[in-house]
PDB file of N, CA and C in Angstrom:
ATOM      1  N   UNK A   1     110.443 116.148  41.130  1.00  0.00           N
ATOM      2  CA  UNK A   1     109.521 114.988  41.247  1.00  0.00           C
ATOM      3  C   UNK A   1     110.332 113.815  41.521  1.00  0.00           C
ATOM      4  N   UNK A   2     109.721 112.833  42.266  1.00  0.00           N
ATOM      5  CA  UNK A   2     110.451 111.693  42.560  1.00  0.00           C
ATOM      6  C   UNK A   2     110.554 110.811  41.315  1.00  0.00           C
ATOM      7  N   UNK A   3     111.562 109.831  41.329  1.00  0.00           N
ATOM      8  CA  UNK A   3     111.860 109.153  40.259  1.00  0.00           C
ATOM      9  C   UNK A   3     110.646 108.189  39.664  1.00  0.00           C
ATOM     10  N   UNK A   4     109.888 107.647  40.620  1.00  0.00           N
ATOM     11  CA  UNK A   4     108.873 106.732  40.202  1.00  0.00           C
ATOM     12  C   UNK A   4     107.404 107.306  40.374  1.00  0.00           C
ATOM     13  N   UNK A   5     107.456 108.799  40.218  1.00  0.00           N
ATOM     14  CA  UNK A   5     106.200 109.428  40.387  1.00  0.00           C
ATOM     15  C   UNK A   5     106.025 110.453  39.164  1.00  0.00           C
ATOM     16  N   UNK A   6     104.764 110.436  38.554  1.00  0.00           N
ATOM     17  CA  UNK A   6     104.555 111.356  37.473  1.00  0.00           C
ATOM     18  C   UNK A   6     103.307 112.192  37.929  1.00  0.00           C
ATOM     19  N   UNK A   7     103.329 113.436  37.349  1.00  0.00           N
ATOM     20  CA  UNK A   7     102.311 114.374  37.679  1.00  0.00           C
ATOM     21  C   UNK A   7     101.319 114.453  36.499  1.00  0.00           C
ATOM     22  N   UNK A   8     100.031 114.277  36.806  1.00  0.00           N
ATOM     23  CA  UNK A   8      99.049 114.205  35.859  1.00  0.00           C
ATOM     24  C   UNK A   8      97.838 115.224  36.262  1.00  0.00           C
ATOM     25  N   UNK A   9      97.348 115.963  35.328  1.00  0.00           N
ATOM     26  CA  UNK A   9      96.188 116.908  35.546  1.00  0.00           C
ATOM     27  C   UNK A   9      94.995 116.298  34.930  1.00  0.00           C
ATOM     28  N   UNK A  10      93.885 116.125  35.763  1.00  0.00           N
ATOM     29  CA  UNK A  10      92.601 115.623  35.347  1.00  0.00           C
ATOM     30  C   UNK A  10      91.651 116.802  35.471  1.00  0.00           C
ATOM     31  N   UNK A  11      91.001 117.132  34.333  1.00  0.00           N
ATOM     32  CA  UNK A  11      89.892 118.148  34.399  1.00  0.00           C
ATOM     33  C   UNK A  11      88.603 117.402  34.541  1.00  0.00           C
ATOM     34  N   UNK A  12      87.877 117.722  35.621  1.00  0.00           N
ATOM     35  CA  UNK A  12      86.558 116.972  35.718  1.00  0.00           C
ATOM     36  C   UNK A  12      85.463 117.662  34.880  1.00  0.00           C
ATOM     37  N   UNK A  13      84.339 117.043  34.771  1.00  0.00           N
ATOM     38  CA  UNK A  13      83.200 117.425  33.986  1.00  0.00           C
ATOM     39  C   UNK A  13      82.725 118.841  34.281  1.00  0.00           C
ATOM     40  N   UNK A  14      83.079 119.432  35.341  1.00  0.00           N
ATOM     41  CA  UNK A  14      82.654 120.788  35.733  1.00  0.00           C
ATOM     42  C   UNK A  14      83.781 121.699  35.381  1.00  0.00           C
ATOM     43  N   UNK A  15      84.771 121.210  34.849  1.00  0.00           N
ATOM     44  CA  UNK A  15      85.926 122.166  34.432  1.00  0.00           C
ATOM     45  C   UNK A  15      87.104 122.404  35.530  1.00  0.00           C
ATOM     46  N   UNK A  16      86.879 121.679  36.711  1.00  0.00           N
ATOM     47  CA  UNK A  16      87.852 121.856  37.809  1.00  0.00           C
ATOM     48  C   UNK A  16      89.078 121.016  37.518  1.00  0.00           C
ATOM     49  N   UNK A  17      90.339 121.489  37.728  1.00  0.00           N
ATOM     50  CA  UNK A  17      91.610 120.860  37.578  1.00  0.00           C
ATOM     51  C   UNK A  17      91.980 120.001  38.793  1.00  0.00           C
ATOM     52  N   UNK A  18      92.447 118.744  38.647  1.00  0.00           N
ATOM     53  CA  UNK A  18      92.883 117.994  39.821  1.00  0.00           C
ATOM     54  C   UNK A  18      94.275 117.613  39.394  1.00  0.00           C
ATOM     55  N   UNK A  19      95.244 117.942  40.227  1.00  0.00           N
ATOM     56  CA  UNK A  19      96.582 117.516  39.951  1.00  0.00           C
ATOM     57  C   UNK A  19      96.767 116.373  40.837  1.00  0.00           C
ATOM     58  N   UNK A  20      97.242 115.290  40.245  1.00  0.00           N
ATOM     59  CA  UNK A  20      97.526 113.972  40.784  1.00  0.00           C
ATOM     60  C   UNK A  20      98.950 113.400  40.591  1.00  0.00           C
ATOM     61  N   UNK A  21      99.524 112.943  41.587  1.00  0.00           N
ATOM     62  CA  UNK A  21     100.950 112.392  41.634  1.00  0.00           C
ATOM     63  C   UNK A  21     100.568 110.849  41.535  1.00  0.00           C
ATOM     64  N   UNK A  22     101.036 110.309  40.427  1.00  0.00           N
ATOM     65  CA  UNK A  22     100.812 108.874  40.204  1.00  0.00           C
ATOM     66  C   UNK A  22     101.995 107.986  40.063  1.00  0.00           C
ATOM     67  N   UNK A  23     102.071 106.901  40.715  1.00  0.00           N
ATOM     68  CA  UNK A  23     103.345 105.969  40.750  1.00  0.00           C
ATOM     69  C   UNK A  23     103.448 105.322  39.409  1.00  0.00           C
ATOM     70  N   UNK A  24     104.693 105.168  38.962  1.00  0.00           N
ATOM     71  CA  UNK A  24     104.938 104.464  37.662  1.00  0.00           C
ATOM     72  C   UNK A  24     105.286 102.990  37.907  1.00  0.00           C
ATOM     73  N   UNK A  25     105.557 102.700  39.176  1.00  0.00           N
ATOM     74  CA  UNK A  25     106.110 101.397  39.397  1.00  0.00           C
ATOM     75  C   UNK A  25     105.140 100.409  39.982  1.00  0.00           C
ATOM     76  N   UNK A  26     103.889 100.672  39.815  1.00  0.00           N
ATOM     77  CA  UNK A  26     102.945  99.836  40.472  1.00  0.00           C
ATOM     78  C   UNK A  26     101.896  99.192  39.469  1.00  0.00           C
ATOM     79  N   UNK A  27     102.179  99.383  38.211  1.00  0.00           N
ATOM     80  CA  UNK A  27     101.277  98.882  37.078  1.00  0.00           C
ATOM     81  C   UNK A  27      99.870  99.266  37.096  1.00  0.00           C
ATOM     82  N   UNK A  28      99.576 100.547  37.387  1.00  0.00           N
ATOM     83  CA  UNK A  28      98.334 101.134  37.428  1.00  0.00           C
ATOM     84  C   UNK A  28      98.018 101.723  35.996  1.00  0.00           C
ATOM     85  N   UNK A  29      96.750 101.924  35.743  1.00  0.00           N
ATOM     86  CA  UNK A  29      96.556 102.693  34.535  1.00  0.00           C
ATOM     87  C   UNK A  29      95.768 104.036  34.960  1.00  0.00           C
ATOM     88  N   UNK A  30      95.455 104.908  33.998  1.00  0.00           N
ATOM     89  CA  UNK A  30      94.935 106.184  34.236  1.00  0.00           C
ATOM     90  C   UNK A  30      93.610 106.044  35.020  1.00  0.00           C
ATOM     91  N   UNK A  31      92.743 105.197  34.419  1.00  0.00           N
ATOM     92  CA  UNK A  31      91.432 104.917  35.156  1.00  0.00           C
ATOM     93  C   UNK A  31      91.548 104.701  36.594  1.00  0.00           C
ATOM     94  N   UNK A  32      92.427 103.778  36.933  1.00  0.00           N
ATOM     95  CA  UNK A  32      92.649 103.363  38.402  1.00  0.00           C
ATOM     96  C   UNK A  32      93.120 104.448  39.126  1.00  0.00           C
ATOM     97  N   UNK A  33      94.007 105.285  38.624  1.00  0.00           N
ATOM     98  CA  UNK A  33      94.464 106.551  39.420  1.00  0.00           C
ATOM     99  C   UNK A  33      93.296 107.501  39.440  1.00  0.00           C
ATOM    100  N   UNK A  34      92.416 107.679  38.518  1.00  0.00           N
ATOM    101  CA  UNK A  34      91.305 108.584  38.741  1.00  0.00           C
ATOM    102  C   UNK A  34      90.276 108.124  39.807  1.00  0.00           C
ATOM    103  N   UNK A  35      90.111 106.788  39.863  1.00  0.00           N
ATOM    104  CA  UNK A  35      89.080 106.159  40.776  1.00  0.00           C
ATOM    105  C   UNK A  35      89.837 106.406  42.032  1.00  0.00           C
ATOM    106  N   UNK A  36      91.035 106.109  42.256  1.00  0.00           N
ATOM    107  CA  UNK A  36      91.713 106.198  43.665  1.00  0.00           C
ATOM    108  C   UNK A  36      91.694 107.672  44.157  1.00  0.00           C
ATOM    109  N   UNK A  37      91.555 108.596  43.137  1.00  0.00           N
ATOM    110  CA  UNK A  37      91.593 110.027  43.526  1.00  0.00           C
ATOM    111  C   UNK A  37      90.105 110.517  43.726  1.00  0.00           C
ATOM    112  N   UNK A  38      89.193 109.587  43.646  1.00  0.00           N
ATOM    113  CA  UNK A  38      87.630 109.851  43.834  1.00  0.00           C
ATOM    114  C   UNK A  38      87.212 110.717  42.818  1.00  0.00           C
ATOM    115  N   UNK A  39      87.728 110.674  41.517  1.00  0.00           N
ATOM    116  CA  UNK A  39      87.081 111.350  40.462  1.00  0.00           C
ATOM    117  C   UNK A  39      86.019 110.587  39.812  1.00  0.00           C
ATOM    118  N   UNK A  40      84.972 111.053  39.105  1.00  0.00           N
ATOM    119  CA  UNK A  40      83.918 110.497  38.720  1.00  0.00           C
ATOM    120  C   UNK A  40      84.150 109.638  37.419  1.00  0.00           C
ATOM    121  N   UNK A  41      84.941 108.612  37.622  1.00  0.00           N
ATOM    122  CA  UNK A  41      85.252 107.581  36.468  1.00  0.00           C
ATOM    123  C   UNK A  41      84.685 106.401  36.751  1.00  0.00           C
ATOM    124  N   UNK A  42      83.878 105.725  35.978  1.00  0.00           N
ATOM    125  CA  UNK A  42      83.204 104.541  36.347  1.00  0.00           C
ATOM    126  C   UNK A  42      84.042 103.382  36.297  1.00  0.00           C
ATOM    127  N   UNK A  43      84.710 103.118  35.122  1.00  0.00           N
ATOM    128  CA  UNK A  43      85.418 101.910  34.832  1.00  0.00           C
ATOM    129  C   UNK A  43      84.637 100.623  35.094  1.00  0.00           C
ATOM    130  N   UNK A  44      83.427 100.645  34.481  1.00  0.00           N
ATOM    131  CA  UNK A  44      82.501  99.592  34.746  1.00  0.00           C
ATOM    132  C   UNK A  44      83.041  98.135  34.375  1.00  0.00           C
ATOM    133  N   UNK A  45      83.869  98.119  33.391  1.00  0.00           N
ATOM    134  CA  UNK A  45      84.231  96.680  32.884  1.00  0.00           C
ATOM    135  C   UNK A  45      85.624  96.366  33.593  1.00  0.00           C
ATOM    136  N   UNK A  46      86.039  97.181  34.433  1.00  0.00           N
ATOM    137  CA  UNK A  46      87.398  96.908  35.293  1.00  0.00           C
ATOM    138  C   UNK A  46      88.560  97.089  34.509  1.00  0.00           C
ATOM    139  N   UNK A  47      88.589  97.785  33.300  1.00  0.00           N
ATOM    140  CA  UNK A  47      89.765  98.175  32.596  1.00  0.00           C
ATOM    141  C   UNK A  47      90.024  97.259  31.494  1.00  0.00           C
ATOM    142  N   UNK A  48      89.006  96.577  30.977  1.00  0.00           N
ATOM    143  CA  UNK A  48      89.198  95.586  29.843  1.00  0.00           C
ATOM    144  C   UNK A  48      88.910  96.233  28.377  1.00  0.00           C
ATOM    145  N   UNK A  49      88.633  97.533  28.358  1.00  0.00           N
ATOM    146  CA  UNK A  49      88.198  98.148  27.066  1.00  0.00           C
ATOM    147  C   UNK A  49      86.915  97.493  26.616  1.00  0.00           C
ATOM    148  N   UNK A  50      85.961  97.206  27.480  1.00  0.00           N
ATOM    149  CA  UNK A  50      84.741  96.611  27.181  1.00  0.00           C
ATOM    150  C   UNK A  50      83.602  97.607  27.242  1.00  0.00           C
ATOM    151  N   UNK A  51      83.850  98.879  27.888  1.00  0.00           N
ATOM    152  CA  UNK A  51      82.773  99.792  27.977  1.00  0.00           C
ATOM    153  C   UNK A  51      83.491 101.149  27.647  1.00  0.00           C
ATOM    154  N   UNK A  52      82.784 102.210  27.779  1.00  0.00           N
ATOM    155  CA  UNK A  52      83.539 103.437  27.450  1.00  0.00           C
ATOM    156  C   UNK A  52      83.361 104.420  28.686  1.00  0.00           C
ATOM    157  N   UNK A  53      82.984 103.764  29.945  1.00  0.00           N
ATOM    158  CA  UNK A  53      82.689 104.721  31.020  1.00  0.00           C
ATOM    159  C   UNK A  53      84.073 105.446  31.631  1.00  0.00           C
ATOM    160  N   UNK A  54      85.154 105.235  31.018  1.00  0.00           N
ATOM    161  CA  UNK A  54      86.399 105.913  31.463  1.00  0.00           C
ATOM    162  C   UNK A  54      86.933 106.787  30.255  1.00  0.00           C
ATOM    163  N   UNK A  55      86.105 106.985  29.396  1.00  0.00           N
ATOM    164  CA  UNK A  55      86.452 107.934  28.257  1.00  0.00           C
ATOM    165  C   UNK A  55      86.847 109.261  28.694  1.00  0.00           C
ATOM    166  N   UNK A  56      88.080 109.736  28.089  1.00  0.00           N
ATOM    167  CA  UNK A  56      88.623 111.022  28.336  1.00  0.00           C
ATOM    168  C   UNK A  56      89.286 111.490  27.075  1.00  0.00           C
ATOM    169  N   UNK A  57      89.479 112.897  27.207  1.00  0.00           N
ATOM    170  CA  UNK A  57      90.209 113.542  26.102  1.00  0.00           C
ATOM    171  C   UNK A  57      91.553 113.893  26.405  1.00  0.00           C
ATOM    172  N   UNK A  58      92.543 113.528  25.698  1.00  0.00           N
ATOM    173  CA  UNK A  58      93.913 113.865  26.037  1.00  0.00           C
ATOM    174  C   UNK A  58      94.239 115.295  25.377  1.00  0.00           C
ATOM    175  N   UNK A  59      94.552 116.251  26.275  1.00  0.00           N
ATOM    176  CA  UNK A  59      94.773 117.595  25.963  1.00  0.00           C
ATOM    177  C   UNK A  59      96.247 118.038  25.940  1.00  0.00           C
ATOM    178  N   UNK A  60      97.190 117.102  26.242  1.00  0.00           N
ATOM    179  CA  UNK A  60      98.690 117.494  26.115  1.00  0.00           C
ATOM    180  C   UNK A  60      99.219 116.633  24.866  1.00  0.00           C
ATOM    181  N   UNK A  61     100.543 116.779  24.655  1.00  0.00           N
ATOM    182  CA  UNK A  61     101.074 116.131  23.596  1.00  0.00           C
ATOM    183  C   UNK A  61     102.028 115.104  24.035  1.00  0.00           C
ATOM    184  N   UNK A  62     101.613 114.328  25.061  1.00  0.00           N
ATOM    185  CA  UNK A  62     102.517 113.230  25.724  1.00  0.00           C
ATOM    186  C   UNK A  62     102.564 112.169  24.639  1.00  0.00           C
ATOM    187  N   UNK A  63     103.750 111.459  24.687  1.00  0.00           N
ATOM    188  CA  UNK A  63     103.834 110.135  23.781  1.00  0.00           C
ATOM    189  C   UNK A  63     102.972 109.031  24.477  1.00  0.00           C
ATOM    190  N   UNK A  64     101.934 108.729  23.853  1.00  0.00           N
ATOM    191  CA  UNK A  64     101.003 107.637  24.320  1.00  0.00           C
ATOM    192  C   UNK A  64     101.177 106.358  23.600  1.00  0.00           C
ATOM    193  N   UNK A  65     100.826 105.253  24.133  1.00  0.00           N
ATOM    194  CA  UNK A  65     100.794 104.016  23.309  1.00  0.00           C
ATOM    195  C   UNK A  65      99.663 104.006  22.324  1.00  0.00           C
ATOM    196  N   UNK A  66      99.755 103.475  21.202  1.00  0.00           N
ATOM    197  CA  UNK A  66      98.717 103.433  20.180  1.00  0.00           C
ATOM    198  C   UNK A  66      97.475 102.716  20.670  1.00  0.00           C
ATOM    199  N   UNK A  67      96.420 103.113  20.315  1.00  0.00           N
ATOM    200  CA  UNK A  67      95.145 102.544  20.760  1.00  0.00           C
ATOM    201  C   UNK A  67      95.074 101.229  20.030  1.00  0.00           C
ATOM    202  N   UNK A  68      94.667 100.247  20.964  1.00  0.00           N
ATOM    203  CA  UNK A  68      94.537  98.850  20.444  1.00  0.00           C
ATOM    204  C   UNK A  68      93.186  98.855  19.599  1.00  0.00           C
ATOM    205  N   UNK A  69      93.109  97.710  18.845  1.00  0.00           N
ATOM    206  CA  UNK A  69      91.875  97.331  18.148  1.00  0.00           C
ATOM    207  C   UNK A  69      90.596  97.509  19.030  1.00  0.00           C
ATOM    208  N   UNK A  70      90.762  96.819  20.211  1.00  0.00           N
ATOM    209  CA  UNK A  70      89.569  96.745  21.072  1.00  0.00           C
ATOM    210  C   UNK A  70      89.230  98.140  21.596  1.00  0.00           C
ATOM    211  N   UNK A  71      90.344  99.012  21.901  1.00  0.00           N
ATOM    212  CA  UNK A  71      90.005 100.373  22.386  1.00  0.00           C
ATOM    213  C   UNK A  71      89.344 101.153  21.182  1.00  0.00           C
ATOM    214  N   UNK A  72      89.809 100.984  19.983  1.00  0.00           N
ATOM    215  CA  UNK A  72      89.190 101.776  18.853  1.00  0.00           C
ATOM    216  C   UNK A  72      87.791 101.250  18.659  1.00  0.00           C
ATOM    217  N   UNK A  73      87.491 100.050  18.663  1.00  0.00           N
ATOM    218  CA  UNK A  73      86.063  99.427  18.667  1.00  0.00           C
ATOM    219  C   UNK A  73      85.216  99.979  19.632  1.00  0.00           C
ATOM    220  N   UNK A  74      85.666 100.131  20.963  1.00  0.00           N
ATOM    221  CA  UNK A  74      84.823 100.682  21.961  1.00  0.00           C
ATOM    222  C   UNK A  74      84.588 102.142  21.810  1.00  0.00           C
ATOM    223  N   UNK A  75      85.544 102.924  21.288  1.00  0.00           N
ATOM    224  CA  UNK A  75      85.485 104.322  21.121  1.00  0.00           C
ATOM    225  C   UNK A  75      84.384 104.547  19.845  1.00  0.00           C
ATOM    226  N   UNK A  76      84.393 103.731  18.904  1.00  0.00           N
ATOM    227  CA  UNK A  76      83.460 103.725  17.707  1.00  0.00           C
ATOM    228  C   UNK A  76      81.986 103.705  18.298  1.00  0.00           C
ATOM    229  N   UNK A  77      81.727 103.059  19.511  1.00  0.00           N
ATOM    230  CA  UNK A  77      80.433 102.885  20.103  1.00  0.00           C
ATOM    231  C   UNK A  77      80.089 103.903  21.100  1.00  0.00           C
ATOM    232  N   UNK A  78      81.094 104.659  21.511  1.00  0.00           N
ATOM    233  CA  UNK A  78      80.925 105.676  22.556  1.00  0.00           C
ATOM    234  C   UNK A  78      80.262 107.024  22.139  1.00  0.00           C
ATOM    235  N   UNK A  79      79.816 107.736  23.180  1.00  0.00           N
ATOM    236  CA  UNK A  79      79.338 109.012  22.919  1.00  0.00           C
ATOM    237  C   UNK A  79      80.257 110.047  22.888  1.00  0.00           C
ATOM    238  N   UNK A  80      80.216 111.213  22.258  1.00  0.00           N
ATOM    239  CA  UNK A  80      80.961 112.445  22.384  1.00  0.00           C
ATOM    240  C   UNK A  80      82.513 112.219  22.009  1.00  0.00           C
ATOM    241  N   UNK A  81      82.724 111.335  21.130  1.00  0.00           N
ATOM    242  CA  UNK A  81      84.038 110.991  20.690  1.00  0.00           C
ATOM    243  C   UNK A  81      84.642 111.993  19.802  1.00  0.00           C
ATOM    244  N   UNK A  82      85.882 112.363  20.190  1.00  0.00           N
ATOM    245  CA  UNK A  82      86.716 113.327  19.448  1.00  0.00           C
ATOM    246  C   UNK A  82      88.018 112.810  18.920  1.00  0.00           C
ATOM    247  N   UNK A  83      88.758 113.407  18.073  1.00  0.00           N
ATOM    248  CA  UNK A  83      90.093 112.914  17.629  1.00  0.00           C
ATOM    249  C   UNK A  83      91.017 112.665  18.829  1.00  0.00           C
ATOM    250  N   UNK A  84      90.813 113.293  19.841  1.00  0.00           N
ATOM    251  CA  UNK A  84      91.802 112.997  21.107  1.00  0.00           C
ATOM    252  C   UNK A  84      91.224 112.183  22.105  1.00  0.00           C
ATOM    253  N   UNK A  85      90.112 111.392  21.824  1.00  0.00           N
ATOM    254  CA  UNK A  85      89.525 110.475  22.789  1.00  0.00           C
ATOM    255  C   UNK A  85      90.413 109.219  22.914  1.00  0.00           C
ATOM    256  N   UNK A  86      90.443 108.896  24.126  1.00  0.00           N
ATOM    257  CA  UNK A  86      91.117 107.678  24.664  1.00  0.00           C
ATOM    258  C   UNK A  86      90.228 107.082  25.754  1.00  0.00           C
ATOM    259  N   UNK A  87      90.451 105.772  26.057  1.00  0.00           N
ATOM    260  CA  UNK A  87      89.932 105.084  27.208  1.00  0.00           C
ATOM    261  C   UNK A  87      90.946 105.078  28.249  1.00  0.00           C
ATOM    262  N   UNK A  88      90.705 105.849  29.315  1.00  0.00           N
ATOM    263  CA  UNK A  88      91.763 105.980  30.479  1.00  0.00           C
ATOM    264  C   UNK A  88      92.351 104.655  30.933  1.00  0.00           C
ATOM    265  N   UNK A  89      91.521 103.509  30.861  1.00  0.00           N
ATOM    266  CA  UNK A  89      91.988 102.162  31.265  1.00  0.00           C
ATOM    267  C   UNK A  89      93.104 101.661  30.399  1.00  0.00           C
ATOM    268  N   UNK A  90      93.222 102.228  29.186  1.00  0.00           N
ATOM    269  CA  UNK A  90      94.159 101.623  28.389  1.00  0.00           C
ATOM    270  C   UNK A  90      95.443 102.540  28.341  1.00  0.00           C
ATOM    271  N   UNK A  91      95.536 103.365  29.238  1.00  0.00           N
ATOM    272  CA  UNK A  91      96.745 104.273  29.492  1.00  0.00           C
ATOM    273  C   UNK A  91      97.470 103.982  30.610  1.00  0.00           C
ATOM    274  N   UNK A  92      98.501 103.139  30.530  1.00  0.00           N
ATOM    275  CA  UNK A  92      99.373 102.633  31.728  1.00  0.00           C
ATOM    276  C   UNK A  92     100.099 103.924  32.205  1.00  0.00           C
ATOM    277  N   UNK A  93     100.248 104.018  33.566  1.00  0.00           N
ATOM    278  CA  UNK A  93     101.119 105.051  34.180  1.00  0.00           C
ATOM    279  C   UNK A  93     102.611 104.727  33.929  1.00  0.00           C
ATOM    280  N   UNK A  94     103.219 105.421  33.054  1.00  0.00           N
ATOM    281  CA  UNK A  94     104.625 105.376  32.777  1.00  0.00           C
ATOM    282  C   UNK A  94     105.184 106.765  32.893  1.00  0.00           C
ATOM    283  N   UNK A  95     106.424 106.770  32.692  1.00  0.00           N
ATOM    284  CA  UNK A  95     107.252 108.157  32.814  1.00  0.00           C
ATOM    285  C   UNK A  95     106.774 109.081  31.550  1.00  0.00           C
ATOM    286  N   UNK A  96     106.270 108.389  30.470  1.00  0.00           N
ATOM    287  CA  UNK A  96     105.875 109.229  29.325  1.00  0.00           C
ATOM    288  C   UNK A  96     104.598 110.085  29.758  1.00  0.00           C
ATOM    289  N   UNK A  97     103.820 109.674  30.781  1.00  0.00           N
ATOM    290  CA  UNK A  97     102.677 110.433  31.143  1.00  0.00           C
ATOM    291  C   UNK A  97     102.999 111.629  32.060  1.00  0.00           C
ATOM    292  N   UNK A  98     104.187 111.864  32.397  1.00  0.00           N
ATOM    293  CA  UNK A  98     104.592 113.082  33.196  1.00  0.00           C
ATOM    294  C   UNK A  98     104.026 114.310  32.560  1.00  0.00           C
ATOM    295  N   UNK A  99     103.276 115.105  33.243  1.00  0.00           N
ATOM    296  CA  UNK A  99     102.723 116.253  32.601  1.00  0.00           C
ATOM    297  C   UNK A  99     101.426 116.172  31.808  1.00  0.00           C
ATOM    298  N   UNK A 100     100.859 114.951  31.612  1.00  0.00           N
ATOM    299  CA  UNK A 100      99.714 114.636  30.943  1.00  0.00           C
ATOM    300  C   UNK A 100      98.569 115.395  31.434  1.00  0.00           C
ATOM    301  N   UNK A 101      97.790 115.866  30.454  1.00  0.00           N
ATOM    302  CA  UNK A 101      96.533 116.611  30.829  1.00  0.00           C
ATOM    303  C   UNK A 101      95.306 115.896  30.108  1.00  0.00           C
ATOM    304  N   UNK A 102      94.386 115.455  30.955  1.00  0.00           N
ATOM    305  CA  UNK A 102      93.179 114.902  30.248  1.00  0.00           C
ATOM    306  C   UNK A 102      91.952 115.598  30.811  1.00  0.00           C
ATOM    307  N   UNK A 103      90.876 115.538  30.037  1.00  0.00           N
ATOM    308  CA  UNK A 103      89.528 115.970  30.464  1.00  0.00           C
ATOM    309  C   UNK A 103      88.567 114.745  30.392  1.00  0.00           C
ATOM    310  N   UNK A 104      87.707 114.689  31.399  1.00  0.00           N
ATOM    311  CA  UNK A 104      86.860 113.616  31.470  1.00  0.00           C
ATOM    312  C   UNK A 104      85.782 113.940  30.431  1.00  0.00           C
ATOM    313  N   UNK A 105      85.339 112.852  29.680  1.00  0.00           N
ATOM    314  CA  UNK A 105      84.273 113.056  28.604  1.00  0.00           C
ATOM    315  C   UNK A 105      82.929 113.176  29.427  1.00  0.00           C
ATOM    316  N   UNK A 106      82.052 113.865  28.750  1.00  0.00           N
ATOM    317  CA  UNK A 106      80.667 113.980  29.293  1.00  0.00           C
ATOM    318  C   UNK A 106      80.034 112.583  29.251  1.00  0.00           C
ATOM    319  N   UNK A 107      79.100 112.354  30.069  1.00  0.00           N
ATOM    320  CA  UNK A 107      78.385 111.061  30.184  1.00  0.00           C
ATOM    321  C   UNK A 107      76.888 111.382  29.643  1.00  0.00           C
ATOM    322  N   UNK A 108      76.267 110.438  28.837  1.00  0.00           N
ATOM    323  CA  UNK A 108      75.005 110.379  28.401  1.00  0.00           C
ATOM    324  C   UNK A 108      73.949 110.070  29.412  1.00  0.00           C
ATOM    325  N   UNK A 109      73.393 110.920  30.213  1.00  0.00           N
ATOM    326  CA  UNK A 109      72.652 110.606  31.413  1.00  0.00           C
ATOM    327  C   UNK A 109      71.236 109.764  30.966  1.00  0.00           C
ATOM    328  N   UNK A 110      71.017 109.878  29.617  1.00  0.00           N
ATOM    329  CA  UNK A 110      69.723 109.386  29.246  1.00  0.00           C
ATOM    330  C   UNK A 110      69.820 107.748  28.853  1.00  0.00           C
ATOM    331  N   UNK A 111      71.057 107.228  28.901  1.00  0.00           N
ATOM    332  CA  UNK A 111      71.386 105.798  28.702  1.00  0.00           C
ATOM    333  C   UNK A 111      71.500 105.158  29.964  1.00  0.00           C
ATOM    334  N   UNK A 112      70.668 104.117  30.172  1.00  0.00           N
ATOM    335  CA  UNK A 112      70.943 103.390  31.458  1.00  0.00           C
ATOM    336  C   UNK A 112      71.934 102.372  31.473  1.00  0.00           C
TER     337      UNK A 112
END
């Protein structure tokens, strides 16, 4: 793998795996990488941890930054939260994410 590229696997809501090569030197976060890869991640608030439309489940044991108070507060209001829930907008693409596996959280279609 190139020095400034990490490999991430995103499992969509239908269970299909998408392998994504993401640059570590462009200050992207996981939500932006998912959107650029045309995966169904909303990112309604633009990555400010003000919504939960980029909610995902971390399924690998990568070293991740601690969730901020803002992220924890938003997850407290989200649907389908699990112990491994994170907001993908709060996960910067760094070398620590190489091999990361995440699954997109379900969305509640009844909430407008």
